[in-house]
Amino acid sequence: MGAYVLPNMLASMSLAQYYAGTVLIYKLQHTVNQQLRTAIGKHRAVRLQAIKHLYLQLDHCVQLMTRSYEVAIVTNVFLAINVTSLLLLEIYQYLQANELQTNSIYIVSNVMWLALYICLLLMVLYPCDMIKREQMRFGTILFELSHSGKAATVGEDQVLGQKGVTPERGRL
């Protein structure tokens, strides 16, 4: 039993560390996105530069974490997918044998192992998906800010043009 449990526990602890780190980075990215949405007024350019620097640092942290855990991630995801499919096949075979009295302990054991391997998969996939969604929000916010900045510049140019002033040459 120890030969089955110990490697899984070590893999679980390693992936739990990765999970905790990526969730922390996700929360920081979420906070940065909230600050970016509130960046208004004359301090907007300063805040945008600070937020851009912070966001690039967080992205670098994600890359470093992924690179440092990549062997564990690839190995455990591959293992979890294969073992999950084998456990499902074994459960199916036990159910097809119609001997639930004798096979019930094996079915319960396989369901518990199946839950463990699904958790191992989700510990990698879920935080990566959360970070990807937060990065998509960051891109959307930057797009909205860049369009609102261009619209303000175009609006100012039109007002100046109606007054007879061109932005490049001064008065007409």
Protein backbone atom coordinates (compact mmCIF):
# COMPACT_ATOMS: atom_id res chain seq x y z
CA MET A 1 0.00 0.00 0.00
CA GLY A 2 2.87 2.37 0.82
CA ALA A 3 4.33 1.85 -2.65
CA TYR A 4 1.13 3.28 -4.13
CA VAL A 5 0.47 6.04 -1.63
CA LEU A 6 3.92 7.58 -1.10
CA PRO A 7 4.66 8.60 -4.72
CA ASN A 8 1.15 10.00 -5.05
CA MET A 9 1.53 11.99 -1.84
CA LEU A 10 4.86 13.42 -2.99
CA ALA A 11 3.38 14.35 -6.37
CA SER A 12 0.37 15.87 -4.62
CA MET A 13 2.57 18.00 -2.36
CA SER A 14 4.63 19.20 -5.31
CA LEU A 15 1.54 20.09 -7.32
CA ALA A 16 -0.03 21.71 -4.26
CA GLN A 17 2.97 24.05 -4.07
CA TYR A 18 2.51 24.90 -7.75
CA TYR A 19 -1.22 25.41 -7.16
CA ALA A 20 -0.63 27.75 -4.22
CA GLY A 21 1.89 29.81 -6.18
CA THR A 22 -0.29 30.16 -9.25
CA VAL A 23 -3.36 31.06 -7.20
CA LEU A 24 -1.34 33.74 -5.42
CA ILE A 25 -0.20 35.15 -8.77
CA TYR A 26 -3.79 35.01 -10.03
CA LYS A 27 -4.98 37.04 -7.04
CA LEU A 28 -2.23 39.60 -7.61
CA GLN A 29 -3.15 39.83 -11.30
CA HIS A 30 -6.78 40.32 -10.33
CA THR A 31 -5.77 43.16 -7.98
CA VAL A 32 -3.67 44.73 -10.74
CA ASN A 33 -6.62 44.57 -13.14
CA GLN A 34 -8.83 46.28 -10.56
CA GLN A 35 -6.24 49.03 -10.10
CA LEU A 36 -5.97 49.42 -13.85
CA ARG A 37 -9.72 49.90 -14.17
CA THR A 38 -9.57 52.69 -11.61
CA ALA A 39 -6.60 54.47 -13.23
CA ILE A 40 -8.14 57.81 -14.15
CA GLY A 41 -7.15 61.44 -14.26
CA LYS A 42 -3.76 63.06 -14.67
CA HIS A 43 -1.91 60.31 -12.79
CA ARG A 44 -3.11 57.72 -15.31
CA ALA A 45 0.17 57.55 -17.26
CA VAL A 46 2.24 57.08 -14.09
CA ARG A 47 -0.12 54.40 -12.78
CA LEU A 48 -0.20 52.66 -16.16
CA GLN A 49 3.60 52.44 -16.23
CA ALA A 50 3.72 51.08 -12.67
CA ILE A 51 0.95 48.58 -13.38
CA LYS A 52 2.62 47.50 -16.64
CA HIS A 53 5.89 46.87 -14.77
CA LEU A 54 4.10 44.92 -12.03
CA TYR A 55 2.15 42.85 -14.53
CA LEU A 56 5.29 41.98 -16.48
CA GLN A 57 6.93 40.87 -13.22
CA LEU A 58 3.94 38.64 -12.41
CA ASP A 59 4.07 37.14 -15.89
CA HIS A 60 7.76 36.43 -15.39
CA CYS A 61 6.92 34.70 -12.07
CA VAL A 62 4.37 32.49 -13.81
CA GLN A 63 6.94 31.53 -16.43
CA LEU A 64 9.56 30.72 -13.78
CA MET A 65 7.12 28.61 -11.77
CA THR A 66 5.99 26.72 -14.83
CA ARG A 67 9.58 26.08 -15.93
CA SER A 68 10.61 24.89 -12.47
CA TYR A 69 7.68 22.49 -12.16
CA GLU A 70 7.43 21.48 -15.82
CA VAL A 71 8.79 17.94 -15.42
CA ALA A 72 6.49 17.27 -12.47
CA ILE A 73 3.53 18.82 -14.30
CA VAL A 74 4.02 16.89 -17.54
CA THR A 75 4.72 13.60 -15.76
CA ASN A 76 1.79 13.88 -13.36
CA VAL A 77 -0.70 15.05 -15.98
CA PHE A 78 0.30 12.21 -18.31
CA LEU A 79 0.12 9.75 -15.42
CA ALA A 80 -3.21 11.07 -14.18
CA ILE A 81 -4.83 10.87 -17.62
CA ASN A 82 -3.64 7.30 -18.16
CA VAL A 83 -4.48 6.06 -14.68
CA THR A 84 -7.89 7.76 -14.78
CA SER A 85 -8.80 6.01 -18.00
CA LEU A 86 -7.57 2.66 -16.62
CA LEU A 87 -9.53 3.13 -13.40
CA LEU A 88 -12.66 3.94 -15.35
CA LEU A 89 -12.15 0.82 -17.45
CA GLU A 90 -11.67 -1.30 -14.34
CA ILE A 91 -14.79 0.13 -12.69
CA TYR A 92 -16.73 -0.59 -15.87
CA GLN A 93 -15.47 -4.19 -15.89
CA TYR A 94 -16.45 -4.67 -12.24
CA LEU A 95 -19.93 -3.34 -12.96
CA GLN A 96 -20.30 -5.60 -15.99
CA ALA A 97 -19.40 -8.68 -13.92
CA ASN A 98 -22.66 -8.23 -11.93
CA GLU A 99 -20.97 -9.35 -8.73
CA LEU A 100 -21.42 -6.20 -6.70
CA GLN A 101 -21.19 -8.05 -3.37
CA THR A 102 -17.69 -9.34 -4.01
CA ASN A 103 -16.40 -6.40 -6.06
CA SER A 104 -17.81 -3.53 -4.01
CA ILE A 105 -14.56 -2.92 -2.11
CA TYR A 106 -12.64 -2.74 -5.39
CA ILE A 107 -15.15 -0.32 -6.86
CA VAL A 108 -14.94 1.96 -3.82
CA SER A 109 -11.15 1.79 -3.87
CA ASN A 110 -11.05 2.67 -7.56
CA VAL A 111 -13.48 5.55 -7.09
CA MET A 112 -11.23 6.95 -4.33
CA TRP A 113 -8.14 6.66 -6.54
CA LEU A 114 -10.11 8.22 -9.39
CA ALA A 115 -10.98 11.20 -7.19
CA LEU A 116 -7.30 11.58 -6.24
CA TYR A 117 -6.14 11.60 -9.85
CA ILE A 118 -8.86 14.00 -10.91
CA CYS A 119 -7.72 16.34 -8.12
CA LEU A 120 -4.13 16.01 -9.36
CA LEU A 121 -5.28 17.03 -12.84
CA LEU A 122 -7.34 19.95 -11.56
CA MET A 123 -4.48 21.21 -9.35
CA VAL A 124 -2.57 21.95 -12.56
CA LEU A 125 -5.27 22.83 -15.04
CA TYR A 126 -7.55 25.07 -12.97
CA PRO A 127 -4.98 27.69 -11.84
CA CYS A 128 -3.51 27.85 -15.34
CA ASP A 129 -6.98 28.53 -16.72
CA MET A 130 -7.60 31.21 -14.08
CA ILE A 131 -4.35 32.99 -14.94
CA LYS A 132 -5.12 32.80 -18.66
CA ARG A 133 -8.57 34.35 -18.09
CA GLU A 134 -7.08 37.13 -15.97
CA GLN A 135 -4.49 37.85 -18.66
CA MET A 136 -7.30 38.05 -21.21
CA ARG A 137 -9.07 40.58 -18.96
CA PHE A 138 -5.84 42.58 -18.76
CA GLY A 139 -5.63 42.68 -22.55
CA THR A 140 -9.27 43.74 -22.80
CA ILE A 141 -8.77 46.51 -20.24
CA LEU A 142 -5.70 47.78 -22.07
CA PHE A 143 -7.61 47.73 -25.36
CA GLU A 144 -10.48 49.71 -23.81
CA LEU A 145 -8.06 52.21 -22.29
CA SER A 146 -6.17 52.66 -25.53
CA HIS A 147 -9.42 53.25 -27.42
CA SER A 148 -10.72 55.68 -24.82
CA GLY A 149 -7.38 57.53 -24.98
CA LYS A 150 -7.57 57.71 -28.79
CA ALA A 151 -11.18 58.85 -28.64
CA ALA A 152 -10.22 61.63 -26.21
CA THR A 153 -7.35 62.69 -28.48
CA VAL A 154 -9.59 62.69 -31.57
CA GLY A 155 -12.24 64.65 -29.65
CA GLU A 156 -9.67 67.25 -28.58
CA ASP A 157 -8.40 67.55 -32.17
CA GLN A 158 -11.93 68.09 -33.45
CA VAL A 159 -12.61 70.79 -30.85
CA LEU A 160 -9.34 72.52 -31.69
CA GLY A 161 -10.11 72.22 -35.43
CA GLN A 162 -13.50 73.89 -34.92
CA LYS A 163 -11.79 76.76 -33.10
CA GLY A 164 -9.36 77.20 -36.00
CA VAL A 165 -6.34 75.72 -34.29
CA THR A 166 -4.45 72.73 -35.65
CA PRO A 167 -2.59 70.70 -33.07
CA GLU A 168 0.69 70.66 -35.05
CA ARG A 169 0.88 74.23 -36.43
CA GLY A 170 -0.91 76.48 -33.95
CA ARG A 171 -3.52 79.00 -35.17
CA LEU A 172 -4.70 79.19 -38.78
